[in-house]
Amino acid sequence: MSSQYNECIRLIREVLERLEAIEGELDLIKEELRELRGQGVTRSQQPRSQQLGGGLLKAISNNLFLDTRDIMAKRLLKRLIDEGKVVLLRDETANREVVTTKEIIRKLLSKLPISINEIDKLNDREYELLTILNRLGYVLLKDNKYVASEAAKEFI
């Protein structure tokens, strides 16, 4: 009897997780529809490249990067990564995966070289992204200055 009860609980939790993911994707769709209505553009008039993941891309732009654990629409995220619209950065040291865009990385790299003493010119999110890029080898600390590495040329 107890094993049946535990199995029911497990199945209910699985269903709730799936519903949560579906709800996240529906929220993105609703947001995109609101944007389209606000612009007075029908879906057929808008290029496909702007249709896919507009809400998620906007959230990434507003926050500079998002932790993949915070993104409910995993399939949408995978499509955006596959199409090259977002960049997945795996920070093994911090046991963390974040997504951002090449444009955001390019803007941050354009602020380099930056001295450790001038690091307060960056906001908290920029500094956090700089730290991630440093751990991944895209940014190096040389002579008390953060500079772009050779690997960072893929973003420039």
C-alpha atoms as a PDB file:
ATOM      1  CA  MET A   1       0.000   0.000   0.000  1.00  0.00           C
ATOM      2  CA  SER A   2       2.808   2.373   0.923  1.00  0.00           C
ATOM      3  CA  SER A   3       4.650   1.738  -2.361  1.00  0.00           C
ATOM      4  CA  GLN A   4       1.495   2.580  -4.334  1.00  0.00           C
ATOM      5  CA  TYR A   5       1.127   5.775  -2.334  1.00  0.00           C
ATOM      6  CA  ASN A   6       4.764   6.739  -3.019  1.00  0.00           C
ATOM      7  CA  GLU A   7       4.326   5.974  -6.720  1.00  0.00           C
ATOM      8  CA  CYS A   8       1.228   8.218  -6.863  1.00  0.00           C
ATOM      9  CA  ILE A   9       3.138  11.039  -5.186  1.00  0.00           C
ATOM     10  CA  ARG A  10       6.036  10.626  -7.633  1.00  0.00           C
ATOM     11  CA  LEU A  11       3.659  10.741 -10.623  1.00  0.00           C
ATOM     12  CA  ILE A  12       1.858  13.804  -9.279  1.00  0.00           C
ATOM     13  CA  ARG A  13       5.184  15.605  -8.804  1.00  0.00           C
ATOM     14  CA  GLU A  14       6.216  14.701 -12.349  1.00  0.00           C
ATOM     15  CA  VAL A  15       2.928  16.052 -13.722  1.00  0.00           C
ATOM     16  CA  LEU A  16       3.348  19.271 -11.719  1.00  0.00           C
ATOM     17  CA  GLU A  17       6.871  19.758 -13.095  1.00  0.00           C
ATOM     18  CA  ARG A  18       5.605  19.286 -16.646  1.00  0.00           C
ATOM     19  CA  LEU A  19       2.753  21.734 -16.040  1.00  0.00           C
ATOM     20  CA  GLU A  20       5.227  24.291 -14.714  1.00  0.00           C
ATOM     21  CA  ALA A  21       7.340  23.983 -17.875  1.00  0.00           C
ATOM     22  CA  ILE A  22       4.245  24.319 -20.067  1.00  0.00           C
ATOM     23  CA  GLU A  23       3.144  27.354 -18.085  1.00  0.00           C
ATOM     24  CA  GLY A  24       6.540  28.987 -18.673  1.00  0.00           C
ATOM     25  CA  GLU A  25       6.297  28.410 -22.421  1.00  0.00           C
ATOM     26  CA  LEU A  26       2.724  29.756 -22.484  1.00  0.00           C
ATOM     27  CA  ASP A  27       3.841  32.881 -20.651  1.00  0.00           C
ATOM     28  CA  LEU A  28       6.505  33.461 -23.305  1.00  0.00           C
ATOM     29  CA  ILE A  29       3.930  33.021 -26.067  1.00  0.00           C
ATOM     30  CA  LYS A  30       1.534  35.451 -24.355  1.00  0.00           C
ATOM     31  CA  GLU A  31       4.317  38.010 -23.999  1.00  0.00           C
ATOM     32  CA  GLU A  32       5.250  37.703 -27.652  1.00  0.00           C
ATOM     33  CA  LEU A  33       1.602  38.097 -28.683  1.00  0.00           C
ATOM     34  CA  ARG A  34       1.295  41.242 -26.560  1.00  0.00           C
ATOM     35  CA  GLU A  35       4.421  42.656 -28.210  1.00  0.00           C
ATOM     36  CA  LEU A  36       3.076  41.872 -31.673  1.00  0.00           C
ATOM     37  CA  ARG A  37      -0.316  43.420 -30.930  1.00  0.00           C
ATOM     38  CA  GLY A  38       1.389  46.488 -29.494  1.00  0.00           C
ATOM     39  CA  GLN A  39       3.417  46.863 -32.669  1.00  0.00           C
ATOM     40  CA  GLY A  40       0.374  46.263 -34.860  1.00  0.00           C
ATOM     41  CA  VAL A  41       2.211  43.498 -36.681  1.00  0.00           C
ATOM     42  CA  THR A  42       0.704  40.153 -37.558  1.00  0.00           C
ATOM     43  CA  ARG A  43       2.776  37.044 -37.178  1.00  0.00           C
ATOM     44  CA  SER A  44       2.975  36.465 -40.937  1.00  0.00           C
ATOM     45  CA  GLN A  45       4.481  39.940 -41.480  1.00  0.00           C
ATOM     46  CA  GLN A  46       7.253  39.474 -38.942  1.00  0.00           C
ATOM     47  CA  PRO A  47      10.442  37.667 -40.000  1.00  0.00           C
ATOM     48  CA  ARG A  48      10.942  34.215 -38.482  1.00  0.00           C
ATOM     49  CA  SER A  49      14.187  35.271 -36.811  1.00  0.00           C
ATOM     50  CA  GLN A  50      12.300  37.766 -34.645  1.00  0.00           C
ATOM     51  CA  GLN A  51       9.466  35.365 -33.832  1.00  0.00           C
ATOM     52  CA  LEU A  52      11.450  32.688 -32.027  1.00  0.00           C
ATOM     53  CA  GLY A  53      12.117  33.465 -28.386  1.00  0.00           C
ATOM     54  CA  GLY A  54      11.597  37.212 -28.475  1.00  0.00           C
ATOM     55  CA  GLY A  55      10.493  37.317 -24.836  1.00  0.00           C
ATOM     56  CA  LEU A  56      13.386  35.189 -23.642  1.00  0.00           C
ATOM     57  CA  LEU A  57      15.894  37.201 -25.677  1.00  0.00           C
ATOM     58  CA  LYS A  58      14.493  40.397 -24.189  1.00  0.00           C
ATOM     59  CA  ALA A  59      14.844  38.967 -20.667  1.00  0.00           C
ATOM     60  CA  ILE A  60      18.458  38.020 -21.411  1.00  0.00           C
ATOM     61  CA  SER A  61      19.190  41.504 -22.791  1.00  0.00           C
ATOM     62  CA  ASN A  62      17.660  43.169 -19.734  1.00  0.00           C
ATOM     63  CA  ASN A  63      19.649  40.983 -17.305  1.00  0.00           C
ATOM     64  CA  LEU A  64      22.841  40.539 -19.407  1.00  0.00           C
ATOM     65  CA  PHE A  65      22.646  36.801 -18.753  1.00  0.00           C
ATOM     66  CA  LEU A  66      20.280  34.252 -17.245  1.00  0.00           C
ATOM     67  CA  ASP A  67      21.008  31.113 -15.287  1.00  0.00           C
ATOM     68  CA  THR A  68      19.641  28.109 -17.199  1.00  0.00           C
ATOM     69  CA  ARG A  69      18.007  26.848 -13.997  1.00  0.00           C
ATOM     70  CA  ASP A  70      15.780  29.948 -14.037  1.00  0.00           C
ATOM     71  CA  ILE A  71      14.507  29.310 -17.563  1.00  0.00           C
ATOM     72  CA  MET A  72      11.402  27.148 -17.678  1.00  0.00           C
ATOM     73  CA  ALA A  73      11.104  26.841 -21.462  1.00  0.00           C
ATOM     74  CA  LYS A  74      13.973  24.385 -21.938  1.00  0.00           C
ATOM     75  CA  ARG A  75      12.993  23.408 -25.495  1.00  0.00           C
ATOM     76  CA  LEU A  76      12.873  27.044 -26.558  1.00  0.00           C
ATOM     77  CA  LEU A  77      16.258  27.621 -24.944  1.00  0.00           C
ATOM     78  CA  LYS A  78      17.722  24.643 -26.797  1.00  0.00           C
ATOM     79  CA  ARG A  79      16.390  25.970 -30.109  1.00  0.00           C
ATOM     80  CA  LEU A  80      17.876  29.411 -29.455  1.00  0.00           C
ATOM     81  CA  ILE A  81      21.242  27.847 -28.632  1.00  0.00           C
ATOM     82  CA  ASP A  82      21.096  25.618 -31.734  1.00  0.00           C
ATOM     83  CA  GLU A  83      20.283  28.628 -33.942  1.00  0.00           C
ATOM     84  CA  GLY A  84      23.138  30.635 -32.428  1.00  0.00           C
ATOM     85  CA  LYS A  85      20.913  33.344 -30.980  1.00  0.00           C
ATOM     86  CA  VAL A  86      22.219  32.762 -27.459  1.00  0.00           C
ATOM     87  CA  VAL A  87      25.536  31.503 -26.118  1.00  0.00           C
ATOM     88  CA  LEU A  88      25.692  28.852 -23.395  1.00  0.00           C
ATOM     89  CA  LEU A  89      28.526  29.432 -20.934  1.00  0.00           C
ATOM     90  CA  ARG A  90      29.346  26.493 -18.656  1.00  0.00           C
ATOM     91  CA  ASP A  91      31.230  27.637 -15.597  1.00  0.00           C
ATOM     92  CA  GLU A  92      32.419  24.355 -14.105  1.00  0.00           C
ATOM     93  CA  THR A  93      34.212  26.116 -11.250  1.00  0.00           C
ATOM     94  CA  ALA A  94      30.970  27.649  -9.973  1.00  0.00           C
ATOM     95  CA  ASN A  95      28.888  24.647 -11.105  1.00  0.00           C
ATOM     96  CA  ARG A  96      26.713  26.984 -13.163  1.00  0.00           C
ATOM     97  CA  GLU A  97      25.370  27.387 -16.689  1.00  0.00           C
ATOM     98  CA  VAL A  98      24.294  30.767 -17.998  1.00  0.00           C
ATOM     99  CA  VAL A  99      23.060  32.016 -21.350  1.00  0.00           C
ATOM    100  CA  THR A 100      23.734  35.375 -22.931  1.00  0.00           C
ATOM    101  CA  THR A 101      24.114  36.788 -26.425  1.00  0.00           C
ATOM    102  CA  LYS A 102      27.234  37.467 -28.454  1.00  0.00           C
ATOM    103  CA  GLU A 103      26.228  41.124 -28.577  1.00  0.00           C
ATOM    104  CA  ILE A 104      26.236  41.410 -24.779  1.00  0.00           C
ATOM    105  CA  ILE A 105      29.653  39.732 -24.597  1.00  0.00           C
ATOM    106  CA  ARG A 106      30.924  42.000 -27.387  1.00  0.00           C
ATOM    107  CA  LYS A 107      29.780  45.122 -25.469  1.00  0.00           C
ATOM    108  CA  LEU A 108      31.499  43.926 -22.297  1.00  0.00           C
ATOM    109  CA  LEU A 109      34.713  43.078 -24.163  1.00  0.00           C
ATOM    110  CA  SER A 110      34.696  46.546 -25.741  1.00  0.00           C
ATOM    111  CA  LYS A 111      35.167  47.988 -22.227  1.00  0.00           C
ATOM    112  CA  LEU A 112      38.453  46.099 -21.879  1.00  0.00           C
ATOM    113  CA  PRO A 113      41.241  46.523 -20.948  1.00  0.00           C
ATOM    114  CA  ILE A 114      40.095  47.640 -17.536  1.00  0.00           C
ATOM    115  CA  SER A 115      42.240  47.967 -14.449  1.00  0.00           C
ATOM    116  CA  ILE A 116      41.329  46.223 -11.220  1.00  0.00           C
ATOM    117  CA  ASN A 117      41.176  49.679  -9.637  1.00  0.00           C
ATOM    118  CA  GLU A 118      38.573  50.786 -12.210  1.00  0.00           C
ATOM    119  CA  ILE A 119      36.407  47.674 -11.946  1.00  0.00           C
ATOM    120  CA  ASP A 120      33.770  49.649 -10.031  1.00  0.00           C
ATOM    121  CA  LYS A 121      32.857  51.288 -13.368  1.00  0.00           C
ATOM    122  CA  LEU A 122      31.087  48.027 -14.199  1.00  0.00           C
ATOM    123  CA  ASN A 123      27.711  47.261 -12.681  1.00  0.00           C
ATOM    124  CA  ASP A 124      27.243  44.080 -10.637  1.00  0.00           C
ATOM    125  CA  ARG A 125      25.875  42.007 -13.545  1.00  0.00           C
ATOM    126  CA  GLU A 126      28.692  43.099 -15.862  1.00  0.00           C
ATOM    127  CA  TYR A 127      31.267  42.217 -13.217  1.00  0.00           C
ATOM    128  CA  GLU A 128      29.644  38.821 -12.662  1.00  0.00           C
ATOM    129  CA  LEU A 129      29.687  38.118 -16.419  1.00  0.00           C
ATOM    130  CA  LEU A 130      33.305  39.308 -16.583  1.00  0.00           C
ATOM    131  CA  THR A 131      34.155  36.850 -13.796  1.00  0.00           C
ATOM    132  CA  ILE A 132      32.487  33.999 -15.686  1.00  0.00           C
ATOM    133  CA  LEU A 133      34.309  34.930 -18.896  1.00  0.00           C
ATOM    134  CA  ASN A 134      37.563  35.075 -16.919  1.00  0.00           C
ATOM    135  CA  ARG A 135      37.066  31.573 -15.518  1.00  0.00           C
ATOM    136  CA  LEU A 136      36.311  30.291 -19.029  1.00  0.00           C
ATOM    137  CA  GLY A 137      39.476  31.859 -20.471  1.00  0.00           C
ATOM    138  CA  TYR A 138      37.840  34.534 -22.638  1.00  0.00           C
ATOM    139  CA  VAL A 139      39.148  37.283 -20.350  1.00  0.00           C
ATOM    140  CA  LEU A 140      42.560  37.243 -18.699  1.00  0.00           C
ATOM    141  CA  LEU A 141      44.021  39.167 -15.790  1.00  0.00           C
ATOM    142  CA  LYS A 142      47.421  40.550 -16.863  1.00  0.00           C
ATOM    143  CA  ASP A 143      49.380  43.217 -15.018  1.00  0.00           C
ATOM    144  CA  ASN A 144      46.342  44.067 -12.839  1.00  0.00           C
ATOM    145  CA  LYS A 145      44.171  44.604 -15.941  1.00  0.00           C
ATOM    146  CA  TYR A 146      41.431  42.494 -17.422  1.00  0.00           C
ATOM    147  CA  VAL A 147      42.087  41.952 -21.142  1.00  0.00           C
ATOM    148  CA  ALA A 148      40.380  39.900 -23.834  1.00  0.00           C
ATOM    149  CA  SER A 149      42.113  36.648 -24.727  1.00  0.00           C
ATOM    150  CA  GLU A 150      42.619  35.101 -28.161  1.00  0.00           C
ATOM    151  CA  ALA A 151      39.611  32.849 -27.515  1.00  0.00           C
ATOM    152  CA  ALA A 152      37.396  35.938 -27.122  1.00  0.00           C
ATOM    153  CA  LYS A 153      37.902  36.823 -30.788  1.00  0.00           C
ATOM    154  CA  GLU A 154      34.949  34.572 -31.653  1.00  0.00           C
ATOM    155  CA  PHE A 155      32.715  37.220 -30.068  1.00  0.00           C
ATOM    156  CA  ILE A 156      34.383  40.285 -31.616  1.00  0.00           C
END
